[in-house]
Amino acid sequence: MREKILDKSKELFLNLGFKSVTMDEIASSLGVSKKTIYKYFKNKTELVDAVTLYMFDNVCCGIDSICGLDLNPIDELFTIKKFIMENLKDEKSSPQYQLQKYYPKIYAPLKKKQFLIMQGFVIKNLNEGINKGLYRKDIDVEFISRIYFNGMIGIKDKDLFPLRDYSMNTLMQYHLEYHLRGICTESGIQQLETQLKLK
C-alpha cells in the first residue's frame, strides 16, 4: 500500500504541484480513507519528503541502467533526457520550483544529492566523450560538470522560463544542445545533428 500511495502522490504532485494537492485528494484518488495514508505518513510534509526520495531513487536507477548500455556519450545524454521526461511527465506544475518555495528543508538536501549523482555521471560522460574524440580535449571537465548541473536547475525556474512559453521538454532539449555545441569536436557535432534529426 505504501508504494501505491507514493505512486499516486507522485502523479498528482507532478501534474498539479506539491502545494495544491491535499491529503483528501490523494485519498480520494486511491479510493481509500485519509486514515490509511496516515498509517504510513504522519503528515503531508513527510509524504512530500518520501515522494521526492522515491522519484530521486527511480531516476537514479534509470540513469544507471542507461549508463550500463554502453552507448556513445552523446546518445547516452539524449536517452537519459528522454527517460527523465517520461518519468517526470513533462513537469507541468514546476515541482522543483514549488518544492524550493514551500518545502525548503526537503529541497536543500535533495539538491545536494542530485548534484553529487549528476556530477559523477556527467564527469564520466565527459571523459568518455573526450576519449572517443566526440568532445574537445581542452575542456575543463570539473567546471563543465558544475555548469551543466547549474543549467539544469536554472531551466526549472519558472520566473526565468515561464511554463506558458516553454515546455520542460523544449527547455531540456535546448539546454542539452547548448551544452553539447560548446564542447563537441567536429565528429561530435555530426553525432549531435544526427540525434537532433530523430526528435
N, C-alpha and C. Protein backbone atom coordinates (compact mmCIF):
# COMPACT_ATOMS: atom_id res chain seq x y z
N MET A 1 0.84 -1.21 0.00
CA MET A 1 0.00 0.00 0.00
C MET A 1 0.88 1.27 0.00
N ARG A 2 1.98 1.20 0.73
CA ARG A 2 2.87 2.38 0.81
C ARG A 2 3.32 2.81 -0.60
N GLU A 3 3.68 1.80 -1.42
CA GLU A 3 4.14 2.12 -2.78
C GLU A 3 3.01 2.69 -3.63
N LYS A 4 1.80 2.19 -3.43
CA LYS A 4 0.64 2.73 -4.17
C LYS A 4 0.42 4.20 -3.82
N ILE A 5 0.56 4.51 -2.54
CA ILE A 5 0.39 5.90 -2.09
C ILE A 5 1.47 6.78 -2.73
N LEU A 6 2.71 6.28 -2.73
CA LEU A 6 3.82 7.04 -3.32
C LEU A 6 3.59 7.27 -4.81
N ASP A 7 3.16 6.22 -5.51
CA ASP A 7 2.92 6.33 -6.96
C ASP A 7 1.83 7.35 -7.29
N LYS A 8 0.72 7.23 -6.58
CA LYS A 8 -0.41 8.14 -6.84
C LYS A 8 -0.05 9.57 -6.46
N SER A 9 0.63 9.74 -5.33
CA SER A 9 1.02 11.08 -4.88
C SER A 9 1.99 11.70 -5.87
N LYS A 10 2.94 10.90 -6.35
CA LYS A 10 3.90 11.39 -7.35
C LYS A 10 3.16 11.92 -8.57
N GLU A 11 2.21 11.14 -9.07
CA GLU A 11 1.44 11.53 -10.26
C GLU A 11 0.71 12.85 -10.03
N LEU A 12 0.05 12.97 -8.86
CA LEU A 12 -0.71 14.18 -8.56
C LEU A 12 0.21 15.38 -8.35
N PHE A 13 1.31 15.18 -7.63
CA PHE A 13 2.25 16.28 -7.38
C PHE A 13 2.86 16.79 -8.69
N LEU A 14 3.20 15.88 -9.60
CA LEU A 14 3.81 16.29 -10.87
C LEU A 14 2.81 17.05 -11.75
N ASN A 15 1.55 16.62 -11.70
CA ASN A 15 0.54 17.27 -12.55
C ASN A 15 -0.02 18.56 -11.96
N LEU A 16 -0.17 18.58 -10.63
CA LEU A 16 -0.85 19.72 -10.01
C LEU A 16 0.03 20.54 -9.07
N GLY A 17 1.16 19.99 -8.67
CA GLY A 17 2.06 20.74 -7.78
C GLY A 17 1.99 20.25 -6.34
N PHE A 18 3.11 20.38 -5.66
CA PHE A 18 3.20 19.94 -4.26
C PHE A 18 2.26 20.74 -3.36
N LYS A 19 2.11 22.02 -3.65
CA LYS A 19 1.32 22.90 -2.78
C LYS A 19 -0.16 22.63 -2.89
N SER A 20 -0.64 22.47 -4.15
CA SER A 20 -2.10 22.41 -4.34
C SER A 20 -2.76 21.08 -3.98
N VAL A 21 -2.01 19.99 -4.04
CA VAL A 21 -2.63 18.68 -3.78
C VAL A 21 -2.83 18.47 -2.28
N THR A 22 -4.06 18.09 -1.90
CA THR A 22 -4.36 17.85 -0.48
C THR A 22 -4.33 16.35 -0.18
N MET A 23 -4.24 16.04 1.09
CA MET A 23 -4.29 14.63 1.52
C MET A 23 -5.64 14.03 1.16
N ASP A 24 -6.71 14.85 1.21
CA ASP A 24 -8.05 14.37 0.83
C ASP A 24 -8.08 13.93 -0.64
N GLU A 25 -7.44 14.73 -1.50
CA GLU A 25 -7.41 14.41 -2.94
C GLU A 25 -6.63 13.13 -3.20
N ILE A 26 -5.54 12.96 -2.47
CA ILE A 26 -4.74 11.73 -2.64
C ILE A 26 -5.56 10.52 -2.21
N ALA A 27 -6.20 10.64 -1.04
CA ALA A 27 -7.03 9.53 -0.53
C ALA A 27 -8.16 9.20 -1.50
N SER A 28 -8.81 10.26 -1.99
CA SER A 28 -9.93 10.07 -2.92
C SER A 28 -9.46 9.40 -4.22
N SER A 29 -8.30 9.82 -4.75
CA SER A 29 -7.77 9.22 -5.99
C SER A 29 -7.44 7.75 -5.80
N LEU A 30 -7.05 7.39 -4.60
CA LEU A 30 -6.69 6.00 -4.32
C LEU A 30 -7.91 5.16 -3.92
N GLY A 31 -9.02 5.86 -3.62
CA GLY A 31 -10.21 5.15 -3.16
C GLY A 31 -10.05 4.60 -1.75
N VAL A 32 -9.28 5.34 -0.93
CA VAL A 32 -9.09 4.92 0.47
C VAL A 32 -9.40 6.10 1.38
N SER A 33 -9.42 5.84 2.69
CA SER A 33 -9.65 6.95 3.62
C SER A 33 -8.32 7.63 3.94
N LYS A 34 -8.43 8.86 4.46
CA LYS A 34 -7.20 9.58 4.85
C LYS A 34 -6.45 8.81 5.94
N LYS A 35 -7.21 8.12 6.76
CA LYS A 35 -6.62 7.32 7.86
C LYS A 35 -5.58 6.35 7.32
N THR A 36 -5.91 5.75 6.17
CA THR A 36 -4.99 4.77 5.55
C THR A 36 -3.66 5.42 5.23
N ILE A 37 -3.71 6.64 4.66
CA ILE A 37 -2.47 7.34 4.32
C ILE A 37 -1.69 7.68 5.59
N TYR A 38 -2.42 8.11 6.61
CA TYR A 38 -1.76 8.50 7.87
C TYR A 38 -1.15 7.30 8.61
N LYS A 39 -1.55 6.11 8.21
CA LYS A 39 -0.89 4.91 8.80
C LYS A 39 0.57 4.85 8.36
N TYR A 40 0.85 5.37 7.14
CA TYR A 40 2.19 5.30 6.57
C TYR A 40 2.97 6.62 6.67
N PHE A 41 2.24 7.73 6.64
CA PHE A 41 2.88 9.05 6.67
C PHE A 41 2.14 9.94 7.65
N LYS A 42 2.86 10.48 8.64
CA LYS A 42 2.14 11.19 9.72
C LYS A 42 1.56 12.54 9.28
N ASN A 43 2.11 13.12 8.21
CA ASN A 43 1.56 14.38 7.69
C ASN A 43 1.98 14.57 6.23
N LYS A 44 1.51 15.65 5.63
CA LYS A 44 1.80 15.88 4.21
C LYS A 44 3.30 16.11 3.97
N THR A 45 3.96 16.81 4.89
CA THR A 45 5.40 17.08 4.72
C THR A 45 6.18 15.78 4.65
N GLU A 46 5.82 14.84 5.51
CA GLU A 46 6.51 13.53 5.49
C GLU A 46 6.24 12.80 4.17
N LEU A 47 5.03 12.93 3.66
CA LEU A 47 4.68 12.30 2.38
C LEU A 47 5.46 12.96 1.23
N VAL A 48 5.53 14.28 1.23
CA VAL A 48 6.29 15.00 0.19
C VAL A 48 7.75 14.56 0.22
N ASP A 49 8.31 14.45 1.40
CA ASP A 49 9.70 14.02 1.56
C ASP A 49 9.90 12.62 0.98
N ALA A 50 8.98 11.71 1.32
CA ALA A 50 9.07 10.32 0.83
C ALA A 50 8.91 10.26 -0.69
N VAL A 51 7.99 11.05 -1.24
CA VAL A 51 7.75 11.05 -2.69
C VAL A 51 8.98 11.57 -3.44
N THR A 52 9.60 12.64 -2.94
CA THR A 52 10.77 13.20 -3.64
C THR A 52 11.93 12.20 -3.62
N LEU A 53 12.10 11.49 -2.50
CA LEU A 53 13.16 10.47 -2.44
C LEU A 53 12.85 9.30 -3.36
N TYR A 54 11.59 8.93 -3.42
CA TYR A 54 11.12 7.84 -4.29
C TYR A 54 11.38 8.19 -5.76
N MET A 55 11.05 9.43 -6.14
CA MET A 55 11.29 9.89 -7.51
C MET A 55 12.79 9.93 -7.79
N PHE A 56 13.56 10.43 -6.84
CA PHE A 56 15.01 10.53 -6.99
C PHE A 56 15.63 9.14 -7.20
N ASP A 57 15.20 8.17 -6.38
CA ASP A 57 15.73 6.80 -6.49
C ASP A 57 15.37 6.18 -7.84
N ASN A 58 14.13 6.40 -8.29
CA ASN A 58 13.69 5.85 -9.59
C ASN A 58 14.51 6.42 -10.73
N VAL A 59 14.75 7.74 -10.69
CA VAL A 59 15.53 8.40 -11.75
C VAL A 59 16.97 7.89 -11.72
N CYS A 60 17.54 7.77 -10.52
CA CYS A 60 18.93 7.27 -10.39
C CYS A 60 19.06 5.85 -10.96
N CYS A 61 18.10 4.99 -10.64
CA CYS A 61 18.13 3.60 -11.16
C CYS A 61 18.05 3.60 -12.68
N GLY A 62 17.17 4.44 -13.23
CA GLY A 62 17.02 4.52 -14.69
C GLY A 62 18.29 5.01 -15.35
N ILE A 63 18.92 6.04 -14.76
CA ILE A 63 20.17 6.58 -15.32
C ILE A 63 21.27 5.52 -15.27
N ASP A 64 21.35 4.81 -14.15
CA ASP A 64 22.35 3.73 -14.03
C ASP A 64 22.16 2.68 -15.13
N SER A 65 20.90 2.32 -15.37
CA SER A 65 20.61 1.32 -16.42
C SER A 65 21.04 1.81 -17.79
N ILE A 66 20.75 3.08 -18.07
CA ILE A 66 21.12 3.65 -19.38
C ILE A 66 22.64 3.71 -19.52
N CYS A 67 23.33 4.10 -18.43
CA CYS A 67 24.80 4.17 -18.48
C CYS A 67 25.41 2.78 -18.69
N GLY A 68 24.69 1.74 -18.29
CA GLY A 68 25.16 0.37 -18.47
C GLY A 68 24.99 -0.15 -19.89
N LEU A 69 24.31 0.63 -20.76
CA LEU A 69 24.06 0.19 -22.14
C LEU A 69 25.26 0.40 -23.06
N ASP A 70 26.25 1.13 -22.58
CA ASP A 70 27.48 1.38 -23.36
C ASP A 70 27.18 2.12 -24.67
N LEU A 71 26.32 3.13 -24.59
CA LEU A 71 26.02 3.97 -25.76
C LEU A 71 27.15 4.98 -25.94
N ASN A 72 27.24 5.59 -27.11
CA ASN A 72 28.24 6.66 -27.21
C ASN A 72 27.74 7.83 -26.34
N PRO A 73 28.65 8.66 -25.82
CA PRO A 73 28.27 9.66 -24.82
C PRO A 73 27.15 10.63 -25.23
N ILE A 74 27.08 10.98 -26.51
CA ILE A 74 26.03 11.91 -26.96
C ILE A 74 24.67 11.21 -26.97
N ASP A 75 24.63 9.99 -27.50
CA ASP A 75 23.37 9.21 -27.48
C ASP A 75 22.92 8.95 -26.04
N GLU A 76 23.89 8.72 -25.16
CA GLU A 76 23.58 8.47 -23.75
C GLU A 76 22.84 9.66 -23.14
N LEU A 77 23.32 10.87 -23.40
CA LEU A 77 22.67 12.07 -22.86
C LEU A 77 21.25 12.23 -23.37
N PHE A 78 21.04 11.97 -24.66
CA PHE A 78 19.69 12.10 -25.23
C PHE A 78 18.76 11.00 -24.69
N THR A 79 19.29 9.81 -24.48
CA THR A 79 18.48 8.72 -23.93
C THR A 79 18.07 9.04 -22.48
N ILE A 80 19.00 9.62 -21.73
CA ILE A 80 18.69 10.00 -20.34
C ILE A 80 17.65 11.11 -20.32
N LYS A 81 17.80 12.08 -21.21
CA LYS A 81 16.81 13.18 -21.27
C LYS A 81 15.41 12.62 -21.54
N LYS A 82 15.33 11.68 -22.50
CA LYS A 82 14.02 11.07 -22.85
C LYS A 82 13.44 10.32 -21.64
N PHE A 83 14.30 9.56 -20.96
CA PHE A 83 13.85 8.81 -19.78
C PHE A 83 13.34 9.75 -18.69
N ILE A 84 14.06 10.84 -18.45
CA ILE A 84 13.66 11.78 -17.39
C ILE A 84 12.32 12.43 -17.75
N MET A 85 12.15 12.79 -19.00
CA MET A 85 10.89 13.41 -19.41
C MET A 85 9.72 12.44 -19.24
N GLU A 86 9.94 11.17 -19.58
CA GLU A 86 8.87 10.17 -19.41
C GLU A 86 8.56 9.99 -17.92
N ASN A 87 9.61 10.01 -17.12
CA ASN A 87 9.45 9.78 -15.68
C ASN A 87 8.81 10.96 -14.97
N LEU A 88 9.13 12.16 -15.41
CA LEU A 88 8.63 13.35 -14.72
C LEU A 88 7.43 13.98 -15.43
N LYS A 89 6.89 13.29 -16.42
CA LYS A 89 5.65 13.71 -17.10
C LYS A 89 5.67 15.18 -17.55
N ASP A 90 6.79 15.64 -18.07
CA ASP A 90 6.94 17.00 -18.59
C ASP A 90 6.85 18.08 -17.50
N GLU A 91 6.81 17.67 -16.22
CA GLU A 91 6.84 18.61 -15.10
C GLU A 91 5.91 19.80 -15.31
N LYS A 92 4.64 19.52 -15.56
CA LYS A 92 3.69 20.59 -15.88
C LYS A 92 3.51 21.60 -14.74
N SER A 93 3.77 21.18 -13.51
CA SER A 93 3.48 22.05 -12.37
C SER A 93 4.70 22.70 -11.76
N SER A 94 5.87 22.62 -12.42
CA SER A 94 7.10 23.16 -11.84
C SER A 94 7.37 22.60 -10.45
N PRO A 95 7.43 21.26 -10.32
CA PRO A 95 7.56 20.68 -8.98
C PRO A 95 8.80 21.15 -8.22
N GLN A 96 9.93 21.29 -8.94
CA GLN A 96 11.15 21.70 -8.23
C GLN A 96 11.00 23.10 -7.66
N TYR A 97 10.41 23.98 -8.44
CA TYR A 97 10.19 25.37 -8.01
C TYR A 97 9.30 25.39 -6.76
N GLN A 98 8.22 24.60 -6.79
CA GLN A 98 7.31 24.55 -5.63
C GLN A 98 7.97 23.93 -4.41
N LEU A 99 8.77 22.91 -4.65
CA LEU A 99 9.48 22.27 -3.55
C LEU A 99 10.42 23.27 -2.88
N GLN A 100 11.13 24.02 -3.69
CA GLN A 100 12.07 25.02 -3.19
C GLN A 100 11.34 26.10 -2.39
N LYS A 101 10.18 26.49 -2.88
CA LYS A 101 9.43 27.59 -2.26
C LYS A 101 8.69 27.17 -0.99
N TYR A 102 8.02 26.02 -1.05
CA TYR A 102 7.14 25.63 0.06
C TYR A 102 7.74 24.59 1.00
N TYR A 103 8.76 23.85 0.53
CA TYR A 103 9.38 22.82 1.37
C TYR A 103 10.91 22.95 1.30
N PRO A 104 11.45 24.11 1.70
CA PRO A 104 12.90 24.33 1.55
C PRO A 104 13.76 23.32 2.32
N LYS A 105 13.25 22.81 3.44
CA LYS A 105 14.03 21.85 4.23
C LYS A 105 14.13 20.49 3.53
N ILE A 106 13.20 20.20 2.66
CA ILE A 106 13.26 18.97 1.86
C ILE A 106 14.11 19.23 0.61
N TYR A 107 13.94 20.43 0.03
CA TYR A 107 14.63 20.76 -1.22
C TYR A 107 16.15 20.82 -1.06
N ALA A 108 16.64 21.45 0.01
CA ALA A 108 18.10 21.67 0.15
C ALA A 108 18.92 20.37 0.14
N PRO A 109 18.59 19.37 0.99
CA PRO A 109 19.38 18.13 0.95
C PRO A 109 19.18 17.35 -0.36
N LEU A 110 17.97 17.45 -0.95
CA LEU A 110 17.71 16.76 -2.22
C LEU A 110 18.60 17.34 -3.32
N LYS A 111 18.74 18.67 -3.33
CA LYS A 111 19.57 19.33 -4.35
C LYS A 111 21.03 18.86 -4.22
N LYS A 112 21.51 18.72 -2.97
CA LYS A 112 22.89 18.24 -2.76
C LYS A 112 23.06 16.83 -3.31
N LYS A 113 22.07 15.98 -3.04
CA LYS A 113 22.14 14.60 -3.55
C LYS A 113 22.10 14.58 -5.07
N GLN A 114 21.22 15.42 -5.65
CA GLN A 114 21.12 15.50 -7.12
C GLN A 114 22.47 15.91 -7.71
N PHE A 115 23.11 16.90 -7.06
CA PHE A 115 24.38 17.40 -7.57
C PHE A 115 25.45 16.30 -7.56
N LEU A 116 25.54 15.57 -6.44
CA LEU A 116 26.57 14.51 -6.33
C LEU A 116 26.37 13.44 -7.38
N ILE A 117 25.12 13.00 -7.55
CA ILE A 117 24.83 11.95 -8.54
C ILE A 117 25.07 12.47 -9.95
N MET A 118 24.53 13.66 -10.24
CA MET A 118 24.65 14.17 -11.60
C MET A 118 26.09 14.50 -11.95
N GLN A 119 26.83 15.05 -10.99
CA GLN A 119 28.22 15.40 -11.29
C GLN A 119 29.03 14.14 -11.63
N GLY A 120 28.82 13.08 -10.85
CA GLY A 120 29.53 11.82 -11.11
C GLY A 120 29.26 11.30 -12.50
N PHE A 121 27.99 11.31 -12.89
CA PHE A 121 27.61 10.77 -14.21
C PHE A 121 28.10 11.69 -15.33
N VAL A 122 28.00 13.03 -15.14
CA VAL A 122 28.42 13.96 -16.19
C VAL A 122 29.94 13.91 -16.39
N ILE A 123 30.70 13.82 -15.30
CA ILE A 123 32.17 13.72 -15.42
C ILE A 123 32.55 12.46 -16.21
N LYS A 124 31.88 11.35 -15.88
CA LYS A 124 32.15 10.09 -16.59
C LYS A 124 31.81 10.26 -18.09
N ASN A 125 30.67 10.89 -18.37
CA ASN A 125 30.24 11.11 -19.75
C ASN A 125 31.24 12.01 -20.49
N LEU A 126 31.71 13.05 -19.83
CA LEU A 126 32.67 13.98 -20.45
C LEU A 126 33.98 13.28 -20.77
N ASN A 127 34.48 12.52 -19.81
CA ASN A 127 35.76 11.80 -20.02
C ASN A 127 35.65 10.79 -21.16
N GLU A 128 34.51 10.09 -21.22
CA GLU A 128 34.32 9.13 -22.31
C GLU A 128 34.22 9.83 -23.66
N GLY A 129 33.53 10.98 -23.66
CA GLY A 129 33.40 11.75 -24.90
C GLY A 129 34.74 12.26 -25.40
N ILE A 130 35.62 12.65 -24.47
CA ILE A 130 36.97 13.10 -24.84
C ILE A 130 37.76 11.92 -25.40
N ASN A 131 37.69 10.78 -24.72
CA ASN A 131 38.42 9.57 -25.16
C ASN A 131 37.97 9.11 -26.54
N LYS A 132 36.68 9.31 -26.85
CA LYS A 132 36.16 8.84 -28.14
C LYS A 132 36.25 9.91 -29.22
N GLY A 133 36.84 11.06 -28.88
CA GLY A 133 37.02 12.12 -29.87
C GLY A 133 35.76 12.90 -30.20
N LEU A 134 34.72 12.74 -29.35
CA LEU A 134 33.46 13.46 -29.59
C LEU A 134 33.45 14.83 -28.90
N TYR A 135 34.19 14.92 -27.77
CA TYR A 135 34.30 16.19 -27.05
C TYR A 135 35.74 16.69 -27.13
N ARG A 136 35.90 18.00 -27.10
CA ARG A 136 37.23 18.59 -27.19
C ARG A 136 38.11 18.21 -25.99
N LYS A 137 39.40 18.03 -26.27
CA LYS A 137 40.34 17.61 -25.21
C LYS A 137 40.64 18.74 -24.23
N ASP A 138 40.42 20.00 -24.66
CA ASP A 138 40.85 21.13 -23.83
C ASP A 138 39.77 21.61 -22.84
N ILE A 139 38.65 20.90 -22.73
CA ILE A 139 37.60 21.37 -21.81
C ILE A 139 37.99 21.06 -20.37
N ASP A 140 37.50 21.90 -19.46
CA ASP A 140 37.70 21.68 -18.02
C ASP A 140 36.51 20.85 -17.52
N VAL A 141 36.76 19.57 -17.34
CA VAL A 141 35.69 18.61 -17.03
C VAL A 141 34.95 18.99 -15.73
N GLU A 142 35.68 19.37 -14.72
CA GLU A 142 35.08 19.74 -13.42
C GLU A 142 34.16 20.96 -13.58
N PHE A 143 34.64 21.96 -14.29
CA PHE A 143 33.85 23.18 -14.50
C PHE A 143 32.59 22.87 -15.31
N ILE A 144 32.76 22.13 -16.41
CA ILE A 144 31.61 21.81 -17.29
C ILE A 144 30.56 21.02 -16.51
N SER A 145 31.00 20.08 -15.66
CA SER A 145 30.03 19.26 -14.91
C SER A 145 29.20 20.14 -13.98
N ARG A 146 29.83 21.17 -13.40
CA ARG A 146 29.12 22.06 -12.49
C ARG A 146 28.18 23.02 -13.23
N ILE A 147 28.66 23.52 -14.37
CA ILE A 147 27.83 24.46 -15.14
C ILE A 147 26.63 23.72 -15.75
N TYR A 148 26.83 22.44 -16.08
CA TYR A 148 25.73 21.62 -16.62
C TYR A 148 24.64 21.46 -15.56
N PHE A 149 25.05 21.14 -14.33
CA PHE A 149 24.09 20.98 -13.23
C PHE A 149 23.36 22.31 -12.98
N ASN A 150 24.12 23.39 -12.95
CA ASN A 150 23.54 24.70 -12.69
C ASN A 150 22.50 25.06 -13.76
N GLY A 151 22.80 24.70 -15.01
CA GLY A 151 21.85 24.94 -16.10
C GLY A 151 20.58 24.13 -15.93
N MET A 152 20.73 22.88 -15.50
CA MET A 152 19.56 22.00 -15.28
C MET A 152 18.65 22.56 -14.20
N ILE A 153 19.27 23.12 -13.14
CA ILE A 153 18.48 23.73 -12.06
C ILE A 153 17.84 25.03 -12.59
N GLY A 154 18.63 25.80 -13.34
CA GLY A 154 18.17 27.10 -13.84
C GLY A 154 16.97 27.03 -14.77
N ILE A 155 16.93 26.02 -15.64
CA ILE A 155 15.80 25.95 -16.59
C ILE A 155 14.48 25.59 -15.90
N LYS A 156 14.57 25.16 -14.63
CA LYS A 156 13.34 24.82 -13.90
C LYS A 156 12.80 26.01 -13.10
N ASP A 157 13.45 27.15 -13.23
CA ASP A 157 12.99 28.37 -12.56
C ASP A 157 11.88 28.98 -13.41
N LYS A 158 10.64 28.90 -12.90
CA LYS A 158 9.53 29.32 -13.76
C LYS A 158 9.40 30.83 -13.88
N ASP A 159 10.14 31.60 -13.08
CA ASP A 159 10.17 33.05 -13.29
C ASP A 159 11.02 33.38 -14.52
N LEU A 160 12.13 32.64 -14.66
CA LEU A 160 13.02 32.83 -15.81
C LEU A 160 12.44 32.22 -17.08
N PHE A 161 11.84 31.03 -16.92
CA PHE A 161 11.31 30.30 -18.07
C PHE A 161 9.85 29.91 -17.80
N PRO A 162 8.92 30.85 -17.99
CA PRO A 162 7.51 30.53 -17.68
C PRO A 162 7.01 29.34 -18.49
N LEU A 163 6.23 28.49 -17.84
CA LEU A 163 5.72 27.28 -18.49
C LEU A 163 4.79 27.61 -19.66
N ARG A 164 4.21 28.79 -19.64
CA ARG A 164 3.33 29.16 -20.78
C ARG A 164 4.16 29.41 -22.05
N ASP A 165 5.45 29.72 -21.88
CA ASP A 165 6.31 30.00 -23.03
C ASP A 165 7.16 28.80 -23.46
N TYR A 166 7.50 27.96 -22.50
CA TYR A 166 8.40 26.82 -22.78
C TYR A 166 7.89 25.56 -22.08
N SER A 167 7.81 24.47 -22.81
CA SER A 167 7.54 23.20 -22.12
C SER A 167 8.86 22.72 -21.53
N MET A 168 8.80 21.88 -20.51
CA MET A 168 10.03 21.37 -19.90
C MET A 168 10.83 20.55 -20.91
N ASN A 169 10.13 19.85 -21.80
CA ASN A 169 10.81 19.06 -22.82
C ASN A 169 11.64 19.97 -23.75
N THR A 170 11.05 21.10 -24.16
CA THR A 170 11.77 22.06 -25.01
C THR A 170 12.98 22.61 -24.28
N LEU A 171 12.80 22.99 -23.01
CA LEU A 171 13.92 23.55 -22.24
C LEU A 171 15.06 22.55 -22.09
N MET A 172 14.72 21.30 -21.83
CA MET A 172 15.76 20.29 -21.67
C MET A 172 16.49 20.04 -23.00
N GLN A 173 15.73 20.08 -24.08
CA GLN A 173 16.32 19.91 -25.41
C GLN A 173 17.29 21.06 -25.72
N TYR A 174 16.84 22.28 -25.47
CA TYR A 174 17.69 23.46 -25.72
C TYR A 174 18.95 23.41 -24.85
N HIS A 175 18.76 23.06 -23.59
CA HIS A 175 19.89 23.03 -22.65
C HIS A 175 20.93 21.99 -23.09
N LEU A 176 20.45 20.83 -23.49
CA LEU A 176 21.34 19.75 -23.91
C LEU A 176 22.09 20.14 -25.20
N GLU A 177 21.38 20.73 -26.14
CA GLU A 177 22.03 21.14 -27.39
C GLU A 177 23.07 22.24 -27.11
N TYR A 178 22.71 23.18 -26.26
CA TYR A 178 23.62 24.28 -25.89
C TYR A 178 24.90 23.71 -25.25
N HIS A 179 24.71 22.77 -24.34
CA HIS A 179 25.83 22.10 -23.65
C HIS A 179 26.76 21.42 -24.67
N LEU A 180 26.16 20.64 -25.56
CA LEU A 180 26.96 19.85 -26.49
C LEU A 180 27.65 20.70 -27.55
N ARG A 181 26.97 21.72 -28.04
CA ARG A 181 27.61 22.57 -29.06
C ARG A 181 28.85 23.28 -28.49
N GLY A 182 28.87 23.49 -27.18
CA GLY A 182 30.01 24.16 -26.56
C GLY A 182 31.22 23.25 -26.36
N ILE A 183 31.02 21.93 -26.38
CA ILE A 183 32.14 21.02 -26.03
C ILE A 183 32.50 20.02 -27.14
N CYS A 184 31.66 19.93 -28.18
CA CYS A 184 31.87 18.88 -29.19
C CYS A 184 32.99 19.20 -30.19
N THR A 185 33.63 18.15 -30.66
CA THR A 185 34.53 18.23 -31.81
C THR A 185 33.65 18.18 -33.07
N GLU A 186 34.29 18.20 -34.24
CA GLU A 186 33.50 18.10 -35.48
C GLU A 186 32.71 16.81 -35.55
N SER A 187 33.36 15.70 -35.16
CA SER A 187 32.61 14.42 -35.25
C SER A 187 31.52 14.37 -34.18
N GLY A 188 31.74 15.05 -33.06
CA GLY A 188 30.69 15.14 -32.04
C GLY A 188 29.49 15.93 -32.55
N ILE A 189 29.77 17.03 -33.27
CA ILE A 189 28.68 17.84 -33.84
C ILE A 189 27.87 17.01 -34.84
N GLN A 190 28.55 16.19 -35.63
CA GLN A 190 27.84 15.32 -36.59
C GLN A 190 26.90 14.37 -35.85
N GLN A 191 27.40 13.81 -34.75
CA GLN A 191 26.58 12.90 -33.94
C GLN A 191 25.39 13.64 -33.33
N LEU A 192 25.65 14.86 -32.89
CA LEU A 192 24.58 15.69 -32.32
C LEU A 192 23.52 15.99 -33.39
N GLU A 193 23.94 16.37 -34.58
CA GLU A 193 23.00 16.67 -35.67
C GLU A 193 22.14 15.43 -36.00
N THR A 194 22.76 14.26 -35.96
CA THR A 194 22.01 13.02 -36.21
C THR A 194 20.91 12.87 -35.15
N GLN A 195 21.26 13.11 -33.88
CA GLN A 195 20.29 13.00 -32.78
C GLN A 195 19.17 14.01 -32.95
N LEU A 196 19.51 15.24 -33.32
CA LEU A 196 18.50 16.29 -33.44
C LEU A 196 17.50 15.99 -34.55
N LYS A 197 17.95 15.26 -35.58
CA LYS A 197 17.02 14.88 -36.67
C LYS A 197 16.03 13.83 -36.21
N LEU A 198 16.37 13.07 -35.15
CA LEU A 198 15.49 11.99 -34.68
C LEU A 198 14.31 12.50 -33.87
N LYS A 199 14.43 13.72 -33.33
CA LYS A 199 13.38 14.17 -32.40
C LYS A 199 12.07 14.48 -33.10
